[in-house]
Amino acid sequence: MYLGKIVELGNASDVYNHPVHPYTEALLSSIPEPNPEKKKKRIILKGDIPSPMNPPIGCAFHTRCIYVQDKCKIDAPLLIERHGRPASCHFPL
């Protein structure tokens, strides 16, 4: 969930191993890696978290998304099947 909206649904294994929403990808990248020898790409979200009382127009995550495109700033994506499971992203991973 992001700003009180579901961004992705699926069983734990699918979501963990193959996130399709950029917010899920960023969240999973923040999990510490117990093996210090193994390097992991960490996604650091930039920008301010929007107010849930006054969310941005379009996709609520677009102000912090590393994959943002013009469409994201205008149209709110629906929670529909994308890559085999429900996700609310115009450009799923």
N, C-alpha and C. Protein backbone atom coordinates (compact mmCIF):
# COMPACT_ATOMS: atom_id res chain seq x y z
N MET A 1 0.85 -1.19 0.00
CA MET A 1 0.00 0.00 0.00
C MET A 1 0.89 1.24 0.00
N TYR A 2 0.36 2.26 -0.66
CA TYR A 2 1.03 3.56 -0.67
C TYR A 2 -0.05 4.62 -0.54
N LEU A 3 0.08 5.48 0.43
CA LEU A 3 -0.91 6.52 0.72
C LEU A 3 -2.31 5.93 0.86
N GLY A 4 -2.40 4.75 1.47
CA GLY A 4 -3.68 4.13 1.73
C GLY A 4 -4.30 3.40 0.55
N LYS A 5 -3.58 3.27 -0.54
CA LYS A 5 -4.08 2.57 -1.73
C LYS A 5 -3.24 1.33 -1.99
N ILE A 6 -3.91 0.26 -2.39
CA ILE A 6 -3.20 -0.96 -2.75
C ILE A 6 -2.48 -0.73 -4.07
N VAL A 7 -1.19 -1.05 -4.09
CA VAL A 7 -0.42 -0.87 -5.33
C VAL A 7 -0.09 -2.20 -6.00
N GLU A 8 -0.14 -3.31 -5.22
CA GLU A 8 0.18 -4.61 -5.79
C GLU A 8 -0.41 -5.71 -4.91
N LEU A 9 -0.90 -6.75 -5.55
CA LEU A 9 -1.42 -7.92 -4.84
C LEU A 9 -0.75 -9.17 -5.39
N GLY A 10 -0.60 -10.16 -4.52
CA GLY A 10 -0.05 -11.44 -4.96
C GLY A 10 0.39 -12.24 -3.77
N ASN A 11 0.77 -13.50 -4.02
CA ASN A 11 1.26 -14.29 -2.89
C ASN A 11 2.66 -13.79 -2.53
N ALA A 12 3.06 -14.06 -1.32
CA ALA A 12 4.30 -13.51 -0.78
C ALA A 12 5.51 -13.84 -1.66
N SER A 13 5.59 -15.06 -2.12
CA SER A 13 6.73 -15.48 -2.93
C SER A 13 6.81 -14.69 -4.23
N ASP A 14 5.68 -14.53 -4.92
CA ASP A 14 5.68 -13.79 -6.18
C ASP A 14 6.04 -12.32 -5.97
N VAL A 15 5.43 -11.70 -4.98
CA VAL A 15 5.68 -10.28 -4.72
C VAL A 15 7.14 -10.08 -4.31
N TYR A 16 7.65 -10.94 -3.46
CA TYR A 16 9.02 -10.81 -2.97
C TYR A 16 10.05 -11.04 -4.08
N ASN A 17 9.83 -12.07 -4.88
CA ASN A 17 10.81 -12.43 -5.91
C ASN A 17 10.66 -11.68 -7.22
N HIS A 18 9.45 -11.19 -7.50
CA HIS A 18 9.21 -10.49 -8.78
C HIS A 18 8.22 -9.34 -8.57
N PRO A 19 8.61 -8.28 -7.89
CA PRO A 19 7.68 -7.15 -7.72
C PRO A 19 7.37 -6.53 -9.08
N VAL A 20 6.14 -6.07 -9.25
CA VAL A 20 5.76 -5.42 -10.50
C VAL A 20 5.47 -3.94 -10.31
N HIS A 21 5.38 -3.47 -9.08
CA HIS A 21 5.16 -2.05 -8.82
C HIS A 21 6.46 -1.43 -8.30
N PRO A 22 6.80 -0.24 -8.78
CA PRO A 22 8.04 0.40 -8.34
C PRO A 22 8.14 0.64 -6.82
N TYR A 23 7.02 0.89 -6.16
CA TYR A 23 7.07 1.08 -4.71
C TYR A 23 7.43 -0.23 -4.01
N THR A 24 6.87 -1.33 -4.46
CA THR A 24 7.21 -2.64 -3.90
C THR A 24 8.69 -2.92 -4.12
N GLU A 25 9.18 -2.62 -5.31
CA GLU A 25 10.60 -2.82 -5.62
C GLU A 25 11.47 -2.01 -4.65
N ALA A 26 11.11 -0.76 -4.41
CA ALA A 26 11.88 0.08 -3.50
C ALA A 26 11.82 -0.44 -2.06
N LEU A 27 10.64 -0.85 -1.62
CA LEU A 27 10.51 -1.40 -0.26
C LEU A 27 11.39 -2.64 -0.09
N LEU A 28 11.33 -3.55 -1.04
CA LEU A 28 12.11 -4.77 -0.94
C LEU A 28 13.61 -4.50 -0.99
N SER A 29 14.01 -3.46 -1.69
CA SER A 29 15.44 -3.13 -1.76
C SER A 29 15.98 -2.63 -0.42
N SER A 30 15.08 -2.23 0.47
CA SER A 30 15.52 -1.70 1.78
C SER A 30 15.76 -2.80 2.82
N ILE A 31 15.40 -4.05 2.48
CA ILE A 31 15.61 -5.15 3.42
C ILE A 31 17.11 -5.42 3.52
N PRO A 32 17.67 -5.40 4.73
CA PRO A 32 19.11 -5.65 4.87
C PRO A 32 19.50 -7.05 4.40
N GLU A 33 20.66 -7.13 3.80
CA GLU A 33 21.20 -8.40 3.33
C GLU A 33 22.08 -8.98 4.44
N PRO A 34 21.74 -10.16 4.96
CA PRO A 34 22.50 -10.73 6.07
C PRO A 34 23.92 -11.15 5.70
N ASN A 35 24.18 -11.41 4.42
CA ASN A 35 25.50 -11.81 3.98
C ASN A 35 26.29 -10.58 3.55
N PRO A 36 27.33 -10.18 4.33
CA PRO A 36 28.07 -8.96 3.99
C PRO A 36 28.85 -9.07 2.68
N GLU A 37 29.06 -10.29 2.20
CA GLU A 37 29.77 -10.49 0.93
C GLU A 37 28.87 -10.21 -0.28
N LYS A 38 27.58 -10.33 -0.07
CA LYS A 38 26.63 -10.16 -1.17
C LYS A 38 26.19 -8.69 -1.26
N LYS A 39 26.36 -8.10 -2.41
CA LYS A 39 25.96 -6.71 -2.63
C LYS A 39 24.57 -6.69 -3.24
N LYS A 40 23.83 -5.68 -2.87
CA LYS A 40 22.44 -5.57 -3.30
C LYS A 40 22.18 -4.13 -3.74
N LYS A 41 21.43 -3.96 -4.83
CA LYS A 41 21.08 -2.61 -5.30
C LYS A 41 20.00 -2.05 -4.38
N ARG A 42 20.26 -0.92 -3.77
CA ARG A 42 19.29 -0.27 -2.90
C ARG A 42 18.71 0.93 -3.62
N ILE A 43 17.39 1.03 -3.62
CA ILE A 43 16.71 2.15 -4.27
C ILE A 43 16.37 3.18 -3.19
N ILE A 44 16.95 4.34 -3.32
CA ILE A 44 16.70 5.44 -2.38
C ILE A 44 15.67 6.37 -3.02
N LEU A 45 14.48 6.41 -2.44
CA LEU A 45 13.44 7.28 -2.98
C LEU A 45 13.74 8.73 -2.65
N LYS A 46 13.61 9.57 -3.62
CA LYS A 46 13.84 11.01 -3.42
C LYS A 46 12.50 11.72 -3.36
N GLY A 47 12.52 12.94 -2.92
CA GLY A 47 11.30 13.74 -2.87
C GLY A 47 10.56 13.57 -1.57
N ASP A 48 9.56 14.40 -1.39
CA ASP A 48 8.75 14.37 -0.18
C ASP A 48 7.57 13.42 -0.35
N ILE A 49 7.18 12.80 0.75
CA ILE A 49 5.99 11.95 0.74
C ILE A 49 4.77 12.86 0.63
N PRO A 50 3.92 12.65 -0.35
CA PRO A 50 2.72 13.48 -0.50
C PRO A 50 1.77 13.29 0.68
N SER A 51 0.94 14.27 0.90
CA SER A 51 -0.07 14.19 1.95
C SER A 51 -1.20 13.26 1.52
N PRO A 52 -1.59 12.31 2.38
CA PRO A 52 -2.74 11.46 2.04
C PRO A 52 -4.04 12.26 1.98
N MET A 53 -4.06 13.41 2.64
CA MET A 53 -5.24 14.26 2.61
C MET A 53 -5.35 15.04 1.30
N ASN A 54 -4.21 15.21 0.63
CA ASN A 54 -4.19 15.95 -0.62
C ASN A 54 -3.20 15.26 -1.58
N PRO A 55 -3.54 14.03 -2.02
CA PRO A 55 -2.61 13.30 -2.88
C PRO A 55 -2.44 13.98 -4.24
N PRO A 56 -1.32 13.73 -4.89
CA PRO A 56 -1.11 14.33 -6.20
C PRO A 56 -2.09 13.78 -7.24
N ILE A 57 -2.26 14.54 -8.30
CA ILE A 57 -3.09 14.09 -9.42
C ILE A 57 -2.32 12.99 -10.14
N GLY A 58 -3.05 12.04 -10.68
CA GLY A 58 -2.41 10.92 -11.38
C GLY A 58 -2.03 9.84 -10.38
N CYS A 59 -0.95 9.17 -10.65
CA CYS A 59 -0.47 8.13 -9.75
C CYS A 59 0.06 8.77 -8.47
N ALA A 60 -0.40 8.29 -7.33
CA ALA A 60 0.02 8.87 -6.05
C ALA A 60 1.51 8.72 -5.81
N PHE A 61 2.14 7.74 -6.44
CA PHE A 61 3.57 7.49 -6.24
C PHE A 61 4.44 8.25 -7.23
N HIS A 62 3.87 8.94 -8.19
CA HIS A 62 4.67 9.53 -9.25
C HIS A 62 5.68 10.57 -8.77
N THR A 63 5.45 11.21 -7.64
CA THR A 63 6.38 12.23 -7.16
C THR A 63 7.69 11.64 -6.65
N ARG A 64 7.71 10.32 -6.43
CA ARG A 64 8.91 9.66 -5.90
C ARG A 64 9.39 8.51 -6.77
N CYS A 65 8.68 8.20 -7.82
CA CYS A 65 8.96 7.04 -8.65
C CYS A 65 10.17 7.28 -9.57
N ILE A 66 11.07 6.31 -9.62
CA ILE A 66 12.25 6.45 -10.48
C ILE A 66 11.94 6.16 -11.95
N TYR A 67 10.76 5.62 -12.22
CA TYR A 67 10.35 5.29 -13.58
C TYR A 67 9.26 6.23 -14.12
N VAL A 68 8.99 7.32 -13.44
CA VAL A 68 7.87 8.21 -13.78
C VAL A 68 7.91 8.66 -15.24
N GLN A 69 6.72 8.72 -15.85
CA GLN A 69 6.55 9.23 -17.21
C GLN A 69 5.40 10.24 -17.16
N ASP A 70 5.21 10.98 -18.23
CA ASP A 70 4.17 12.01 -18.25
C ASP A 70 2.78 11.46 -17.92
N LYS A 71 2.45 10.28 -18.43
CA LYS A 71 1.14 9.69 -18.19
C LYS A 71 0.87 9.52 -16.69
N CYS A 72 1.90 9.21 -15.92
CA CYS A 72 1.77 8.98 -14.48
C CYS A 72 1.31 10.25 -13.75
N LYS A 73 1.68 11.39 -14.28
CA LYS A 73 1.35 12.67 -13.66
C LYS A 73 -0.08 13.13 -13.95
N ILE A 74 -0.75 12.42 -14.87
CA ILE A 74 -2.08 12.82 -15.31
C ILE A 74 -3.15 11.80 -14.93
N ASP A 75 -2.89 10.53 -15.25
CA ASP A 75 -3.88 9.46 -15.06
C ASP A 75 -3.52 8.55 -13.90
N ALA A 76 -4.46 8.36 -13.00
CA ALA A 76 -4.26 7.41 -11.90
C ALA A 76 -4.43 5.99 -12.46
N PRO A 77 -3.43 5.12 -12.28
CA PRO A 77 -3.56 3.76 -12.80
C PRO A 77 -4.56 2.95 -11.99
N LEU A 78 -5.28 2.08 -12.67
CA LEU A 78 -6.23 1.20 -12.01
C LEU A 78 -5.51 -0.05 -11.49
N LEU A 79 -6.07 -0.67 -10.48
CA LEU A 79 -5.53 -1.92 -9.95
C LEU A 79 -6.05 -3.04 -10.86
N ILE A 80 -5.28 -3.33 -11.90
CA ILE A 80 -5.67 -4.37 -12.86
C ILE A 80 -4.50 -5.35 -13.05
N GLU A 81 -4.79 -6.48 -13.67
CA GLU A 81 -3.75 -7.48 -13.85
C GLU A 81 -2.67 -6.97 -14.79
N ARG A 82 -1.47 -7.04 -14.29
CA ARG A 82 -0.29 -6.63 -15.06
C ARG A 82 0.80 -7.64 -14.75
N HIS A 83 1.31 -8.31 -15.73
CA HIS A 83 2.33 -9.35 -15.54
C HIS A 83 1.83 -10.46 -14.61
N GLY A 84 0.56 -10.81 -14.72
CA GLY A 84 0.04 -11.96 -14.01
C GLY A 84 -0.59 -11.72 -12.65
N ARG A 85 -0.58 -10.47 -12.17
CA ARG A 85 -1.25 -10.19 -10.90
C ARG A 85 -1.63 -8.71 -10.82
N PRO A 86 -2.58 -8.38 -9.95
CA PRO A 86 -3.05 -6.99 -9.87
C PRO A 86 -1.96 -6.02 -9.38
N ALA A 87 -1.83 -4.94 -10.10
CA ALA A 87 -0.91 -3.86 -9.74
C ALA A 87 -1.47 -2.56 -10.30
N SER A 88 -1.21 -1.48 -9.61
CA SER A 88 -1.67 -0.18 -10.09
C SER A 88 -0.47 0.65 -10.55
N CYS A 89 -0.05 0.36 -11.78
CA CYS A 89 1.09 1.07 -12.37
C CYS A 89 0.91 1.06 -13.87
N HIS A 90 1.15 2.20 -14.51
CA HIS A 90 1.06 2.27 -15.97
C HIS A 90 2.23 1.54 -16.63
N PHE A 91 3.36 1.48 -15.95
CA PHE A 91 4.57 0.90 -16.51
C PHE A 91 5.15 -0.12 -15.53
N PRO A 92 4.47 -1.27 -15.35
CA PRO A 92 4.93 -2.25 -14.38
C PRO A 92 6.29 -2.82 -14.77
N LEU A 93 6.99 -3.30 -13.77
CA LEU A 93 8.34 -3.84 -13.98
C LEU A 93 8.31 -5.17 -14.70
